Protein backbone atom coordinates (compact mmCIF):
# COMPACT_ATOMS: atom_id res chain seq x y z
CA LEU A 1 0.00 0.00 0.00
CA SER A 2 1.32 3.36 -0.85
CA GLU A 3 1.44 6.63 1.03
CA GLN A 4 -1.72 7.81 -0.68
CA TYR A 5 -3.71 5.39 1.52
CA PHE A 6 -1.67 5.51 4.72
CA PRO A 7 0.36 8.49 5.92
CA VAL A 8 3.47 6.46 6.78
CA MET A 9 7.08 6.43 5.70
CA HIS A 10 7.96 2.71 5.93
CA GLN A 11 6.34 -0.70 5.76
CA LEU A 12 6.91 -1.17 9.49
CA GLU A 13 4.87 1.95 10.23
CA ALA A 14 2.14 0.74 7.89
CA SER A 15 1.95 -2.65 9.59
CA GLN A 16 1.84 -1.03 13.03
CA LEU A 17 -0.94 1.28 11.85
CA LEU A 18 -2.95 -1.66 10.51
CA ILE A 19 -2.51 -3.55 13.79
CA GLN A 20 -3.70 -0.49 15.69
CA ILE A 21 -6.76 -0.11 13.43
CA VAL A 22 -7.70 -3.77 13.79
CA SER A 23 -7.18 -3.68 17.55
CA GLN A 24 -9.40 -0.62 17.94
CA THR A 25 -12.08 -1.87 15.56
CA PHE A 26 -12.40 -5.35 17.03
CA THR A 27 -12.45 -5.07 20.81
CA HIS A 28 -13.25 -8.75 21.38
CA SER A 29 -11.06 -11.51 19.97
CA LYS A 30 -14.13 -13.39 18.70
CA ASP A 31 -14.88 -10.41 16.44
CA ASN A 32 -11.35 -10.15 15.07
CA PRO A 33 -11.13 -12.12 11.80
CA PHE A 34 -7.37 -12.43 12.19
CA LEU A 35 -7.67 -14.17 15.56
CA ARG A 36 -10.49 -16.54 14.62
CA ARG A 37 -9.48 -20.09 13.93
CA SER A 38 -11.00 -21.86 10.99
CA VAL A 39 -13.52 -24.61 11.62
CA SER A 40 -11.13 -27.26 10.35
CA GLN A 41 -8.51 -26.18 12.92
CA LEU A 42 -11.02 -26.43 15.76
CA LEU A 43 -12.26 -29.92 14.94
CA ASP A 44 -10.72 -32.98 16.52
CA PRO A 45 -9.22 -35.02 13.64
CA LEU A 46 -10.30 -38.31 15.23
CA VAL A 47 -13.93 -37.20 15.60
CA MET A 48 -13.86 -35.82 12.06
CA SER A 49 -12.57 -39.16 10.77
CA LEU A 50 -15.22 -41.10 12.69
CA VAL A 51 -18.07 -38.95 11.37
CA GLN A 52 -16.77 -39.47 7.83
CA GLN A 53 -17.17 -43.24 8.36
CA ILE A 54 -20.94 -42.79 8.15
CA PRO A 55 -21.81 -43.83 4.58
CA GLY A 56 -22.57 -40.78 2.45
CA VAL A 57 -20.89 -38.31 4.82
CA GLY A 58 -17.79 -36.71 3.36
CA MET A 59 -15.61 -33.92 4.63
CA VAL A 60 -18.08 -31.10 3.90
CA LYS A 61 -21.03 -32.78 5.62
CA ALA A 62 -18.83 -33.91 8.51
CA MET A 63 -17.63 -30.34 9.06
CA ALA A 64 -21.21 -29.04 8.93
CA LEU A 65 -22.34 -31.67 11.44
CA LEU A 66 -19.42 -31.00 13.78
CA GLN A 67 -20.14 -27.28 13.79
CA HIS A 68 -23.41 -28.19 15.52
CA TYR A 69 -22.43 -31.37 17.37
CA SER A 70 -18.97 -31.42 18.91
CA SER A 71 -18.97 -35.11 19.79
CA ILE A 72 -20.17 -38.45 18.46
CA HIS A 73 -22.41 -38.71 21.53
CA GLN A 74 -24.17 -35.44 20.66
CA LEU A 75 -24.56 -36.55 17.05
CA TYR A 76 -25.92 -39.93 18.21
CA ASN A 77 -28.55 -38.17 20.34
CA ALA A 78 -29.60 -35.74 17.61
CA GLY A 79 -33.06 -36.27 16.19
CA THR A 80 -33.86 -36.40 12.50
CA HIS A 81 -35.62 -33.02 12.72
CA GLU A 82 -32.47 -31.49 14.24
CA LEU A 83 -30.21 -32.94 11.54
CA GLU A 84 -32.42 -31.99 8.58
CA PRO A 85 -31.44 -28.29 8.39
CA ILE A 86 -27.78 -29.30 8.33
CA VAL A 87 -27.70 -32.21 5.87
CA GLY A 88 -31.19 -32.50 4.40
CA GLN A 89 -34.06 -34.87 5.08
CA ALA A 90 -32.76 -38.03 3.40
CA MET A 91 -29.26 -37.79 4.88
CA ALA A 92 -30.68 -36.94 8.32
CA GLN A 93 -32.75 -40.13 8.24
CA HIS A 94 -29.74 -42.07 6.97
CA ILE A 95 -27.54 -40.79 9.84
CA ARG A 96 -30.24 -41.56 12.40
CA ASN A 97 -30.64 -45.10 11.00
CA PHE A 98 -26.86 -45.59 11.02
CA PHE A 99 -26.73 -44.98 14.77
CA HIS A 100 -30.00 -46.54 15.91
CA ASN A 101 -30.82 -49.49 13.65
CA PRO A 102 -28.82 -52.66 14.25
CA LEU A 103 -27.10 -54.26 11.30
CA VAL A 104 -29.01 -57.18 9.88
């Protein structure tokens, strides 16, 4: 960025100014986009892998499910009506059946 946008002499001054602006704009760390961790960084890799073992559930659906249910136990206890907004009606029923219907 050039001097026309920021009244600074060096890159160091520009970076310090940007840090100051961000710090003043976002008073809480949850509001600061630079301090937020991505969903994939927050998820436990083992839980993510286990959820992906449900037939038809890939990485995208597993991430969506784990944003709402942080454990397998919570996912197991979720009702079809709770899962539907996240993965759709058919997949919600499929997930529910996976956990609650014994294999024949």
